[in-house]
Amino acid sequence: MDLKQSINHFMTQTDGVGQALFILLIIMSIASWYFVAVKAWQGLLVRRRSSQFLTQFWNAASLDDVAQSLHQHPAKDPFAHLTYHAINASRHHAEHGVQRLNEAGSASEFLTRAIRRVIDEETAQLEWGLTALASIASTAPFVGLFGTVWGVYHALVGIGQNGQGTLDQIAGPVGEALIMTGLGLAVAIPAVLAYNDCVRSNRLLLAQLDAFAHDLFAFLATGSAINSHTETVNQSIANEYAVAAAMGER
């Protein structure tokens, strides 16, 4: 008897509870592979778009050029989203100052809150679907085990009612009941692997995003995003060299 025949025989011999558990495992498997496919596709798009934006960002002449590019092409990755809102927050505080409680504090504090808010939003978006994958990975084996216990129970009851307790009468129904355990593991293992891979990818991406946020904050704190003229930046660098030279003479 092959697997298909065993499953068909199990479904015809079991009661409504066993059939419901089998259907539940099938639904969990479909949901698991749906999240696996969606998260894999989203991860591929995020990595590709982030790489393109970071290349454009570091090759830009100034943050004003980056802001103009983001205004023409909406942000589609975490790094571009962070840059867009950080630049807008910096300009908003510089132009309007403190008018509401949300804008209280210095420009650096306001910018820090804006950056942290965007990172929290990106973290929540990256974690979409992970709770479902974790739930499926942790519960599917137990659902399968419960189905096996239920199937073995009914198999033994049926054997007891027929009065036949030979090995060939017991092995068949019990072996078919074990299909539920195998199905539970087949559902759980891909979900566990996909969950661990997504968590690792998200951790690496968020670490890169956090490091980029520090660089972006430093650029915005110096005013390079507000003033597109390079004279101010060059004068600041010249002053730093002058101070360093004076300290060296001492």
C-alpha atoms as a PDB file:
ATOM      1  CA  MET A   1       0.000   0.000   0.000  1.00  0.00           C
ATOM      2  CA  ASP A   2       1.506   3.297  -1.051  1.00  0.00           C
ATOM      3  CA  LEU A   3       1.267   6.607   0.755  1.00  0.00           C
ATOM      4  CA  LYS A   4      -1.733   7.838  -1.220  1.00  0.00           C
ATOM      5  CA  GLN A   5      -3.709   4.691  -0.529  1.00  0.00           C
ATOM      6  CA  SER A   6      -2.738   4.828   3.158  1.00  0.00           C
ATOM      7  CA  ILE A   7      -3.944   8.404   3.437  1.00  0.00           C
ATOM      8  CA  ASN A   8      -7.216   7.594   1.661  1.00  0.00           C
ATOM      9  CA  HIS A   9      -7.763   4.582   3.885  1.00  0.00           C
ATOM     10  CA  PHE A  10      -6.988   6.635   6.980  1.00  0.00           C
ATOM     11  CA  MET A  11      -9.438   9.363   5.970  1.00  0.00           C
ATOM     12  CA  THR A  12     -12.225   6.839   5.351  1.00  0.00           C
ATOM     13  CA  GLN A  13     -11.616   4.949   8.600  1.00  0.00           C
ATOM     14  CA  THR A  14     -11.144   7.896  10.960  1.00  0.00           C
ATOM     15  CA  ASP A  15     -13.898  10.061  12.424  1.00  0.00           C
ATOM     16  CA  GLY A  16     -14.582  13.770  12.135  1.00  0.00           C
ATOM     17  CA  VAL A  17     -11.855  14.720  14.626  1.00  0.00           C
ATOM     18  CA  GLY A  18      -9.161  12.923  12.660  1.00  0.00           C
ATOM     19  CA  GLN A  19     -10.350  14.404   9.375  1.00  0.00           C
ATOM     20  CA  ALA A  20     -10.461  17.896  10.894  1.00  0.00           C
ATOM     21  CA  LEU A  21      -6.897  17.530  12.168  1.00  0.00           C
ATOM     22  CA  PHE A  22      -5.738  16.331   8.758  1.00  0.00           C
ATOM     23  CA  ILE A  23      -7.414  19.278   7.007  1.00  0.00           C
ATOM     24  CA  LEU A  24      -5.942  21.638   9.621  1.00  0.00           C
ATOM     25  CA  LEU A  25      -2.432  20.387   8.869  1.00  0.00           C
ATOM     26  CA  ILE A  26      -3.014  20.835   5.143  1.00  0.00           C
ATOM     27  CA  ILE A  27      -4.164  24.436   5.739  1.00  0.00           C
ATOM     28  CA  MET A  28      -1.154  25.096   7.959  1.00  0.00           C
ATOM     29  CA  SER A  29       1.136  23.718   5.252  1.00  0.00           C
ATOM     30  CA  ILE A  30      -0.412  25.957   2.582  1.00  0.00           C
ATOM     31  CA  ALA A  31      -0.158  29.001   4.863  1.00  0.00           C
ATOM     32  CA  SER A  32       3.443  28.154   5.725  1.00  0.00           C
ATOM     33  CA  TRP A  33       4.542  27.910   2.107  1.00  0.00           C
ATOM     34  CA  TYR A  34       2.636  31.102   1.300  1.00  0.00           C
ATOM     35  CA  PHE A  35       4.582  33.029   3.936  1.00  0.00           C
ATOM     36  CA  VAL A  36       7.824  31.368   2.849  1.00  0.00           C
ATOM     37  CA  ALA A  37       7.300  32.442  -0.770  1.00  0.00           C
ATOM     38  CA  VAL A  38       6.178  35.972   0.123  1.00  0.00           C
ATOM     39  CA  LYS A  39       9.002  36.584   2.608  1.00  0.00           C
ATOM     40  CA  ALA A  40      11.590  35.235   0.164  1.00  0.00           C
ATOM     41  CA  TRP A  41      10.316  37.523  -2.608  1.00  0.00           C
ATOM     42  CA  GLN A  42      10.126  40.532  -0.302  1.00  0.00           C
ATOM     43  CA  GLY A  43      13.629  39.882   0.994  1.00  0.00           C
ATOM     44  CA  LEU A  44      14.990  39.694  -2.536  1.00  0.00           C
ATOM     45  CA  LEU A  45      13.348  42.985  -3.499  1.00  0.00           C
ATOM     46  CA  VAL A  46      14.497  44.747  -0.326  1.00  0.00           C
ATOM     47  CA  ARG A  47      18.102  43.659  -0.760  1.00  0.00           C
ATOM     48  CA  ARG A  48      18.205  44.666  -4.413  1.00  0.00           C
ATOM     49  CA  ARG A  49      16.507  48.042  -3.912  1.00  0.00           C
ATOM     50  CA  SER A  50      18.570  48.809  -0.821  1.00  0.00           C
ATOM     51  CA  SER A  51      21.780  48.081  -2.671  1.00  0.00           C
ATOM     52  CA  GLN A  52      20.741  50.366  -5.520  1.00  0.00           C
ATOM     53  CA  PHE A  53      19.772  53.201  -3.178  1.00  0.00           C
ATOM     54  CA  LEU A  54      22.937  52.960  -1.081  1.00  0.00           C
ATOM     55  CA  THR A  55      25.039  53.116  -4.227  1.00  0.00           C
ATOM     56  CA  GLN A  56      23.113  56.192  -5.355  1.00  0.00           C
ATOM     57  CA  PHE A  57      23.332  57.740  -1.889  1.00  0.00           C
ATOM     58  CA  TRP A  58      27.083  57.442  -1.438  1.00  0.00           C
ATOM     59  CA  ASN A  59      27.733  58.627  -4.984  1.00  0.00           C
ATOM     60  CA  ALA A  60      25.524  61.734  -4.615  1.00  0.00           C
ATOM     61  CA  ALA A  61      27.135  65.166  -4.457  1.00  0.00           C
ATOM     62  CA  SER A  62      25.036  66.270  -1.477  1.00  0.00           C
ATOM     63  CA  LEU A  63      22.032  65.269   0.582  1.00  0.00           C
ATOM     64  CA  ASP A  64      19.981  67.828  -1.305  1.00  0.00           C
ATOM     65  CA  ASP A  65      20.534  65.792  -4.456  1.00  0.00           C
ATOM     66  CA  VAL A  66      19.390  62.701  -2.583  1.00  0.00           C
ATOM     67  CA  ALA A  67      16.304  64.537  -1.297  1.00  0.00           C
ATOM     68  CA  GLN A  68      15.420  65.694  -4.806  1.00  0.00           C
ATOM     69  CA  SER A  69      15.796  62.158  -6.128  1.00  0.00           C
ATOM     70  CA  LEU A  70      13.591  60.775  -3.357  1.00  0.00           C
ATOM     71  CA  HIS A  71      10.982  63.432  -4.118  1.00  0.00           C
ATOM     72  CA  GLN A  72      10.858  62.306  -7.741  1.00  0.00           C
ATOM     73  CA  HIS A  73      11.035  58.589  -6.978  1.00  0.00           C
ATOM     74  CA  PRO A  74       9.181  57.486  -3.813  1.00  0.00           C
ATOM     75  CA  ALA A  75      11.080  55.358  -1.301  1.00  0.00           C
ATOM     76  CA  LYS A  76      10.692  51.619  -1.823  1.00  0.00           C
ATOM     77  CA  ASP A  77      13.256  50.232   0.624  1.00  0.00           C
ATOM     78  CA  PRO A  78      14.077  50.796   4.318  1.00  0.00           C
ATOM     79  CA  PHE A  79      17.168  52.922   3.662  1.00  0.00           C
ATOM     80  CA  ALA A  80      15.404  55.276   1.255  1.00  0.00           C
ATOM     81  CA  HIS A  81      12.396  55.481   3.586  1.00  0.00           C
ATOM     82  CA  LEU A  82      14.646  56.387   6.496  1.00  0.00           C
ATOM     83  CA  THR A  83      16.538  58.992   4.480  1.00  0.00           C
ATOM     84  CA  TYR A  84      13.360  60.608   3.179  1.00  0.00           C
ATOM     85  CA  HIS A  85      11.765  61.044   6.605  1.00  0.00           C
ATOM     86  CA  ALA A  86      15.029  62.059   8.281  1.00  0.00           C
ATOM     87  CA  ILE A  87      15.658  64.846   5.756  1.00  0.00           C
ATOM     88  CA  ASN A  88      12.062  66.047   6.018  1.00  0.00           C
ATOM     89  CA  ALA A  89      12.270  66.034   9.828  1.00  0.00           C
ATOM     90  CA  SER A  90      15.497  68.014   9.790  1.00  0.00           C
ATOM     91  CA  ARG A  91      14.115  70.612   7.389  1.00  0.00           C
ATOM     92  CA  HIS A  92      10.798  70.845   9.214  1.00  0.00           C
ATOM     93  CA  HIS A  93      12.444  71.596  12.553  1.00  0.00           C
ATOM     94  CA  ALA A  94      14.841  74.079  10.966  1.00  0.00           C
ATOM     95  CA  GLU A  95      12.027  75.991   9.243  1.00  0.00           C
ATOM     96  CA  HIS A  96       9.210  75.846  11.811  1.00  0.00           C
ATOM     97  CA  GLY A  97      10.985  75.263  15.119  1.00  0.00           C
ATOM     98  CA  VAL A  98       9.016  74.085  18.161  1.00  0.00           C
ATOM     99  CA  GLN A  99       5.279  74.662  17.712  1.00  0.00           C
ATOM    100  CA  ARG A 100       3.825  71.443  19.087  1.00  0.00           C
ATOM    101  CA  LEU A 101       4.666  68.940  21.808  1.00  0.00           C
ATOM    102  CA  ASN A 102       5.768  66.493  19.152  1.00  0.00           C
ATOM    103  CA  GLU A 103       8.455  68.961  18.075  1.00  0.00           C
ATOM    104  CA  ALA A 104       9.740  69.704  21.588  1.00  0.00           C
ATOM    105  CA  GLY A 105      13.452  69.584  22.216  1.00  0.00           C
ATOM    106  CA  SER A 106      16.461  70.437  20.150  1.00  0.00           C
ATOM    107  CA  ALA A 107      16.859  69.666  16.475  1.00  0.00           C
ATOM    108  CA  SER A 108      19.034  66.654  17.290  1.00  0.00           C
ATOM    109  CA  GLU A 109      16.413  65.234  19.648  1.00  0.00           C
ATOM    110  CA  PHE A 110      13.639  65.762  17.129  1.00  0.00           C
ATOM    111  CA  LEU A 111      15.717  64.121  14.412  1.00  0.00           C
ATOM    112  CA  THR A 112      16.586  61.209  16.704  1.00  0.00           C
ATOM    113  CA  ARG A 113      12.909  60.570  17.438  1.00  0.00           C
ATOM    114  CA  ALA A 114      12.055  60.692  13.738  1.00  0.00           C
ATOM    115  CA  ILE A 115      14.812  58.220  12.855  1.00  0.00           C
ATOM    116  CA  ARG A 116      13.859  55.873  15.684  1.00  0.00           C
ATOM    117  CA  ARG A 117      10.205  55.978  14.634  1.00  0.00           C
ATOM    118  CA  VAL A 118      11.070  55.008  11.052  1.00  0.00           C
ATOM    119  CA  ILE A 119      13.342  52.177  12.224  1.00  0.00           C
ATOM    120  CA  ASP A 120      10.535  50.849  14.433  1.00  0.00           C
ATOM    121  CA  GLU A 121       8.140  50.958  11.479  1.00  0.00           C
ATOM    122  CA  GLU A 122      10.607  49.107   9.258  1.00  0.00           C
ATOM    123  CA  THR A 123      11.204  46.526  11.988  1.00  0.00           C
ATOM    124  CA  ALA A 124       7.472  45.863  12.290  1.00  0.00           C
ATOM    125  CA  GLN A 125       7.157  45.558   8.526  1.00  0.00           C
ATOM    126  CA  LEU A 126      10.089  43.143   8.278  1.00  0.00           C
ATOM    127  CA  GLU A 127       8.607  40.986  11.023  1.00  0.00           C
ATOM    128  CA  TRP A 128       5.306  40.598   9.175  1.00  0.00           C
ATOM    129  CA  GLY A 129       4.440  36.908   8.857  1.00  0.00           C
ATOM    130  CA  LEU A 130       7.100  35.693  11.286  1.00  0.00           C
ATOM    131  CA  THR A 131       4.571  35.168  14.076  1.00  0.00           C
ATOM    132  CA  ALA A 132       2.500  32.929  11.813  1.00  0.00           C
ATOM    133  CA  LEU A 133       5.576  30.950  10.761  1.00  0.00           C
ATOM    134  CA  ALA A 134       6.673  30.519  14.383  1.00  0.00           C
ATOM    135  CA  SER A 135       3.182  29.422  15.417  1.00  0.00           C
ATOM    136  CA  ILE A 136       2.961  26.869  12.621  1.00  0.00           C
ATOM    137  CA  ALA A 137       6.455  25.554  13.342  1.00  0.00           C
ATOM    138  CA  SER A 138       5.719  25.087  17.040  1.00  0.00           C
ATOM    139  CA  THR A 139       2.172  23.679  16.846  1.00  0.00           C
ATOM    140  CA  ALA A 140       2.217  21.483  13.727  1.00  0.00           C
ATOM    141  CA  PRO A 141       4.128  18.571  15.358  1.00  0.00           C
ATOM    142  CA  PHE A 142       1.707  18.525  18.286  1.00  0.00           C
ATOM    143  CA  VAL A 143      -1.306  18.614  15.976  1.00  0.00           C
ATOM    144  CA  GLY A 144       0.157  15.680  14.074  1.00  0.00           C
ATOM    145  CA  LEU A 145       0.917  13.824  17.289  1.00  0.00           C
ATOM    146  CA  PHE A 146      -2.613  14.367  18.541  1.00  0.00           C
ATOM    147  CA  GLY A 147      -3.946  13.029  15.245  1.00  0.00           C
ATOM    148  CA  THR A 148      -1.741   9.963  15.599  1.00  0.00           C
ATOM    149  CA  VAL A 149      -2.915   9.292  19.152  1.00  0.00           C
ATOM    150  CA  TRP A 150      -6.503   9.727  18.093  1.00  0.00           C
ATOM    151  CA  GLY A 151      -6.018   7.409  15.119  1.00  0.00           C
ATOM    152  CA  VAL A 152      -4.279   4.740  17.204  1.00  0.00           C
ATOM    153  CA  TYR A 153      -7.055   4.917  19.764  1.00  0.00           C
ATOM    154  CA  HIS A 154      -9.739   4.317  17.158  1.00  0.00           C
ATOM    155  CA  ALA A 155      -7.664   1.586  15.525  1.00  0.00           C
ATOM    156  CA  LEU A 156      -7.316  -0.262  18.828  1.00  0.00           C
ATOM    157  CA  VAL A 157     -11.014   0.182  19.601  1.00  0.00           C
ATOM    158  CA  GLY A 158     -11.899  -1.244  16.213  1.00  0.00           C
ATOM    159  CA  ILE A 159      -9.552  -4.196  16.684  1.00  0.00           C
ATOM    160  CA  GLY A 160     -11.020  -4.842  20.143  1.00  0.00           C
ATOM    161  CA  GLN A 161     -14.565  -4.830  18.791  1.00  0.00           C
ATOM    162  CA  ASN A 162     -13.649  -7.273  16.012  1.00  0.00           C
ATOM    163  CA  GLY A 163     -11.860  -9.533  18.420  1.00  0.00           C
ATOM    164  CA  GLN A 164      -8.800  -9.813  16.155  1.00  0.00           C
ATOM    165  CA  GLY A 165      -5.459  -8.908  17.710  1.00  0.00           C
ATOM    166  CA  THR A 166      -2.942 -10.347  15.302  1.00  0.00           C
ATOM    167  CA  LEU A 167       0.084  -8.357  14.171  1.00  0.00           C
ATOM    168  CA  ASP A 168      -1.187  -7.783  10.659  1.00  0.00           C
ATOM    169  CA  GLN A 169      -4.461  -6.450  12.035  1.00  0.00           C
ATOM    170  CA  ILE A 170      -2.687  -4.004  14.327  1.00  0.00           C
ATOM    171  CA  ALA A 171       0.209  -2.839  12.133  1.00  0.00           C
ATOM    172  CA  GLY A 172      -1.951  -1.469   9.330  1.00  0.00           C
ATOM    173  CA  PRO A 173      -4.224   0.877  11.310  1.00  0.00           C
ATOM    174  CA  VAL A 174      -1.410   2.002  13.618  1.00  0.00           C
ATOM    175  CA  GLY A 175       0.913   2.657  10.682  1.00  0.00           C
ATOM    176  CA  GLU A 176      -1.756   4.711   8.957  1.00  0.00           C
ATOM    177  CA  ALA A 177      -2.260   6.725  12.129  1.00  0.00           C
ATOM    178  CA  LEU A 178       1.460   7.549  12.180  1.00  0.00           C
ATOM    179  CA  ILE A 179       0.914   9.410   8.907  1.00  0.00           C
ATOM    180  CA  MET A 180      -0.390  12.299  10.992  1.00  0.00           C
ATOM    181  CA  THR A 181       2.902  12.575  12.877  1.00  0.00           C
ATOM    182  CA  GLY A 182       4.860  12.541   9.634  1.00  0.00           C
ATOM    183  CA  LEU A 183       2.570  15.177   8.152  1.00  0.00           C
ATOM    184  CA  GLY A 184       2.986  17.366  11.221  1.00  0.00           C
ATOM    185  CA  LEU A 185       6.774  17.188  10.918  1.00  0.00           C
ATOM    186  CA  ALA A 186       6.587  17.840   7.181  1.00  0.00           C
ATOM    187  CA  VAL A 187       4.663  21.022   7.914  1.00  0.00           C
ATOM    188  CA  ALA A 188       6.857  22.165  10.810  1.00  0.00           C
ATOM    189  CA  ILE A 189      10.356  21.629   9.392  1.00  0.00           C
ATOM    190  CA  PRO A 190      10.095  24.065   6.421  1.00  0.00           C
ATOM    191  CA  ALA A 191       8.417  26.623   8.688  1.00  0.00           C
ATOM    192  CA  VAL A 192      11.264  26.398  11.227  1.00  0.00           C
ATOM    193  CA  LEU A 193      13.943  26.747   8.554  1.00  0.00           C
ATOM    194  CA  ALA A 194      12.163  29.681   6.903  1.00  0.00           C
ATOM    195  CA  TYR A 195      11.623  31.408  10.247  1.00  0.00           C
ATOM    196  CA  ASN A 196      15.284  31.124  11.238  1.00  0.00           C
ATOM    197  CA  ASP A 197      16.419  32.383   7.842  1.00  0.00           C
ATOM    198  CA  CYS A 198      14.048  35.370   7.990  1.00  0.00           C
ATOM    199  CA  VAL A 199      15.130  36.262  11.523  1.00  0.00           C
ATOM    200  CA  ARG A 200      18.787  36.151  10.499  1.00  0.00           C
ATOM    201  CA  SER A 201      18.183  38.243   7.368  1.00  0.00           C
ATOM    202  CA  ASN A 202      16.156  40.801   9.317  1.00  0.00           C
ATOM    203  CA  ARG A 203      18.823  41.039  12.016  1.00  0.00           C
ATOM    204  CA  LEU A 204      21.536  41.730   9.448  1.00  0.00           C
ATOM    205  CA  LEU A 205      19.405  44.263   7.570  1.00  0.00           C
ATOM    206  CA  LEU A 206      18.428  46.109  10.754  1.00  0.00           C
ATOM    207  CA  ALA A 207      22.058  46.231  11.851  1.00  0.00           C
ATOM    208  CA  GLN A 208      22.982  47.821   8.528  1.00  0.00           C
ATOM    209  CA  LEU A 209      20.028  50.193   8.811  1.00  0.00           C
ATOM    210  CA  ASP A 210      21.066  51.213  12.316  1.00  0.00           C
ATOM    211  CA  ALA A 211      24.636  51.899  11.187  1.00  0.00           C
ATOM    212  CA  PHE A 212      23.333  53.894   8.220  1.00  0.00           C
ATOM    213  CA  ALA A 213      21.080  55.871  10.582  1.00  0.00           C
ATOM    214  CA  HIS A 214      24.122  56.953  12.596  1.00  0.00           C
ATOM    215  CA  ASP A 215      25.862  58.205   9.437  1.00  0.00           C
ATOM    216  CA  LEU A 216      22.706  59.934   8.246  1.00  0.00           C
ATOM    217  CA  PHE A 217      22.250  61.613  11.626  1.00  0.00           C
ATOM    218  CA  ALA A 218      25.831  62.882  11.505  1.00  0.00           C
ATOM    219  CA  PHE A 219      25.309  64.325   8.028  1.00  0.00           C
ATOM    220  CA  LEU A 220      22.059  66.020   8.995  1.00  0.00           C
ATOM    221  CA  ALA A 221      23.436  67.341  12.299  1.00  0.00           C
ATOM    222  CA  THR A 222      26.158  69.205  10.414  1.00  0.00           C
ATOM    223  CA  GLY A 223      23.541  70.902   8.250  1.00  0.00           C
ATOM    224  CA  SER A 224      24.732  69.376   4.972  1.00  0.00           C
ATOM    225  CA  ALA A 225      21.182  68.410   4.065  1.00  0.00           C
ATOM    226  CA  ILE A 226      19.793  71.893   4.639  1.00  0.00           C
ATOM    227  CA  ASN A 227      22.461  73.885   2.815  1.00  0.00           C
ATOM    228  CA  SER A 228      23.451  72.534  -0.560  1.00  0.00           C
ATOM    229  CA  HIS A 229      26.367  74.972  -0.901  1.00  0.00           C
ATOM    230  CA  THR A 230      29.684  73.309  -0.309  1.00  0.00           C
ATOM    231  CA  GLU A 231      31.383  76.470   0.952  1.00  0.00           C
ATOM    232  CA  THR A 232      30.001  76.004   4.442  1.00  0.00           C
ATOM    233  CA  VAL A 233      31.225  72.433   4.613  1.00  0.00           C
ATOM    234  CA  ASN A 234      34.620  73.346   3.256  1.00  0.00           C
ATOM    235  CA  GLN A 235      34.935  76.189   5.767  1.00  0.00           C
ATOM    236  CA  SER A 236      34.042  73.820   8.597  1.00  0.00           C
ATOM    237  CA  ILE A 237      36.694  71.353   7.483  1.00  0.00           C
ATOM    238  CA  ALA A 238      39.244  74.141   7.196  1.00  0.00           C
ATOM    239  CA  ASN A 239      38.436  75.301  10.726  1.00  0.00           C
ATOM    240  CA  GLU A 240      38.901  71.771  12.066  1.00  0.00           C
ATOM    241  CA  TYR A 241      42.301  71.508  10.398  1.00  0.00           C
ATOM    242  CA  ALA A 242      43.259  74.910  11.830  1.00  0.00           C
ATOM    243  CA  VAL A 243      42.283  73.859  15.349  1.00  0.00           C
ATOM    244  CA  ALA A 244      44.150  70.586  14.988  1.00  0.00           C
ATOM    245  CA  ALA A 245      47.236  72.391  13.729  1.00  0.00           C
ATOM    246  CA  ALA A 246      47.085  74.848  16.645  1.00  0.00           C
ATOM    247  CA  MET A 247      46.830  72.009  19.127  1.00  0.00           C
ATOM    248  CA  GLY A 248      49.731  70.268  17.452  1.00  0.00           C
ATOM    249  CA  GLU A 249      51.931  73.377  17.812  1.00  0.00           C
ATOM    250  CA  ARG A 250      51.182  73.440  21.504  1.00  0.00           C
END
